[in-house]
Protein backbone atom coordinates (compact mmCIF):
# COMPACT_ATOMS: atom_id res chain seq x y z
CA UNK A 1 0.00 0.00 0.00
CA UNK A 2 2.84 2.41 0.85
CA UNK A 3 4.37 1.63 -2.54
CA UNK A 4 1.15 2.58 -4.36
CA UNK A 5 0.82 5.86 -2.45
CA UNK A 6 4.41 6.81 -3.20
CA UNK A 7 4.01 5.87 -6.85
CA UNK A 8 0.83 7.93 -7.28
CA UNK A 9 2.44 10.92 -5.57
CA UNK A 10 5.46 10.69 -7.86
CA UNK A 11 3.25 10.41 -10.95
CA UNK A 12 1.24 13.50 -10.01
CA UNK A 13 4.41 15.50 -9.38
CA UNK A 14 5.92 14.46 -12.73
CA UNK A 15 2.90 15.58 -14.74
CA UNK A 16 3.15 19.29 -13.95
CA UNK A 17 5.70 21.45 -12.18
CA UNK A 18 5.59 25.18 -11.55
CA UNK A 19 9.34 25.44 -11.01
CA UNK A 20 12.45 24.01 -12.61
CA UNK A 21 16.01 23.98 -11.32
CA UNK A 22 19.02 24.93 -13.40
CA UNK A 23 22.20 24.35 -11.42
CA UNK A 24 21.56 26.30 -8.20
CA UNK A 25 18.91 28.65 -9.64
CA UNK A 26 15.14 28.32 -10.00
CA UNK A 27 12.84 29.32 -12.85
CA UNK A 28 9.14 29.59 -11.99
CA UNK A 29 5.77 30.32 -13.56
CA UNK A 30 5.37 34.08 -13.76
CA UNK A 31 9.05 34.68 -14.58
CA UNK A 32 10.07 36.22 -17.87
CA UNK A 33 11.38 33.87 -20.54
CA UNK A 34 14.65 35.82 -20.61
CA UNK A 35 15.27 34.72 -17.00
CA UNK A 36 15.08 31.08 -18.11
CA UNK A 37 17.65 31.76 -20.82
CA UNK A 38 19.94 33.53 -18.34
CA UNK A 39 19.69 30.82 -15.68
CA UNK A 40 19.47 27.68 -17.85
CA UNK A 41 21.14 28.66 -21.10
CA UNK A 42 19.61 28.15 -24.53
CA UNK A 43 16.89 25.50 -24.84
CA UNK A 44 17.47 22.28 -26.75
CA UNK A 45 14.35 22.88 -28.81
CA UNK A 46 12.19 25.95 -29.51
CA UNK A 47 8.70 26.26 -30.94
CA UNK A 48 7.28 29.72 -31.56
CA UNK A 49 3.94 30.75 -33.02
CA UNK A 50 1.42 33.57 -32.76
CA UNK A 51 -2.34 33.59 -32.40
CA UNK A 52 -4.62 36.52 -33.17
CA UNK A 53 -6.09 38.44 -30.24
CA UNK A 54 -9.77 37.57 -29.95
CA UNK A 55 -12.99 38.75 -28.35
CA UNK A 56 -16.61 37.58 -28.19
CA UNK A 57 -19.02 39.54 -30.35
CA UNK A 58 -22.65 40.28 -29.46
CA UNK A 59 -23.71 36.91 -30.89
CA UNK A 60 -21.26 35.13 -28.59
CA UNK A 61 -18.90 34.12 -31.39
CA UNK A 62 -15.15 34.25 -30.87
CA UNK A 63 -13.66 36.55 -33.52
CA UNK A 64 -10.20 37.96 -34.24
CA UNK A 65 -9.55 41.52 -33.09
CA UNK A 66 -7.60 43.27 -35.88
CA UNK A 67 -6.95 46.30 -33.67
CA UNK A 68 -4.72 44.28 -31.29
CA UNK A 69 -1.32 42.71 -31.89
CA UNK A 70 -1.15 38.91 -32.17
CA UNK A 71 -0.34 36.98 -28.98
CA UNK A 72 3.12 35.37 -29.08
CA UNK A 73 3.39 31.78 -27.79
CA UNK A 74 6.68 30.01 -27.11
CA UNK A 75 7.52 26.47 -26.04
CA UNK A 76 11.08 25.79 -24.93
CA UNK A 77 12.31 22.27 -24.18
CA UNK A 78 15.37 21.62 -22.04
CA UNK A 79 17.12 18.25 -22.31
CA UNK A 80 19.56 17.91 -19.41
CA UNK A 81 20.82 14.46 -20.42
CA UNK A 82 19.85 10.84 -19.84
CA UNK A 83 20.10 11.00 -16.05
CA UNK A 84 17.67 13.93 -15.64
CA UNK A 85 14.09 14.66 -16.62
CA UNK A 86 13.48 17.00 -19.54
CA UNK A 87 11.47 20.17 -18.90
CA UNK A 88 9.21 22.17 -21.21
CA UNK A 89 8.42 25.84 -20.62
CA UNK A 90 5.27 27.42 -22.05
CA UNK A 91 5.25 31.21 -22.34
CA UNK A 92 2.75 33.78 -23.59
CA UNK A 93 4.13 37.19 -24.58
CA UNK A 94 7.49 36.39 -22.90
CA UNK A 95 5.91 35.43 -19.54
CA UNK A 96 6.18 31.80 -18.36
CA UNK A 97 2.72 30.42 -17.62
CA UNK A 98 3.47 26.69 -17.30
CA UNK A 99 6.45 24.41 -16.72
CA UNK A 100 5.96 20.75 -17.56
CA UNK A 101 8.11 17.79 -16.56
CA UNK A 102 8.72 15.30 -19.37
CA UNK A 103 10.50 11.94 -19.51
CA UNK A 104 14.22 11.33 -19.20
CA UNK A 105 16.45 12.99 -21.77
CA UNK A 106 18.81 11.41 -24.26
């Protein structure tokens, strides 16, 4: 029973993390993406895309707002090697909003 409790706790922790460690420094949700680059170096993999700013019109439909700049999304993946778990950072307009723990690196 203790084994199952420990295993379920470990699985829930691995699915989502709000903080990642790079050497002796921490990067957390709410930090700027530039802080991650300063503390952890360049990511192994980058994915960048933009989405139009949207609003709901009077009919309740979600429509693009041409008067606003597109929202910039970035996903950075860090592979720290085969003995450590990989981490993925999700950022919107340069602000980290999620840090996800992945499997072991290569």
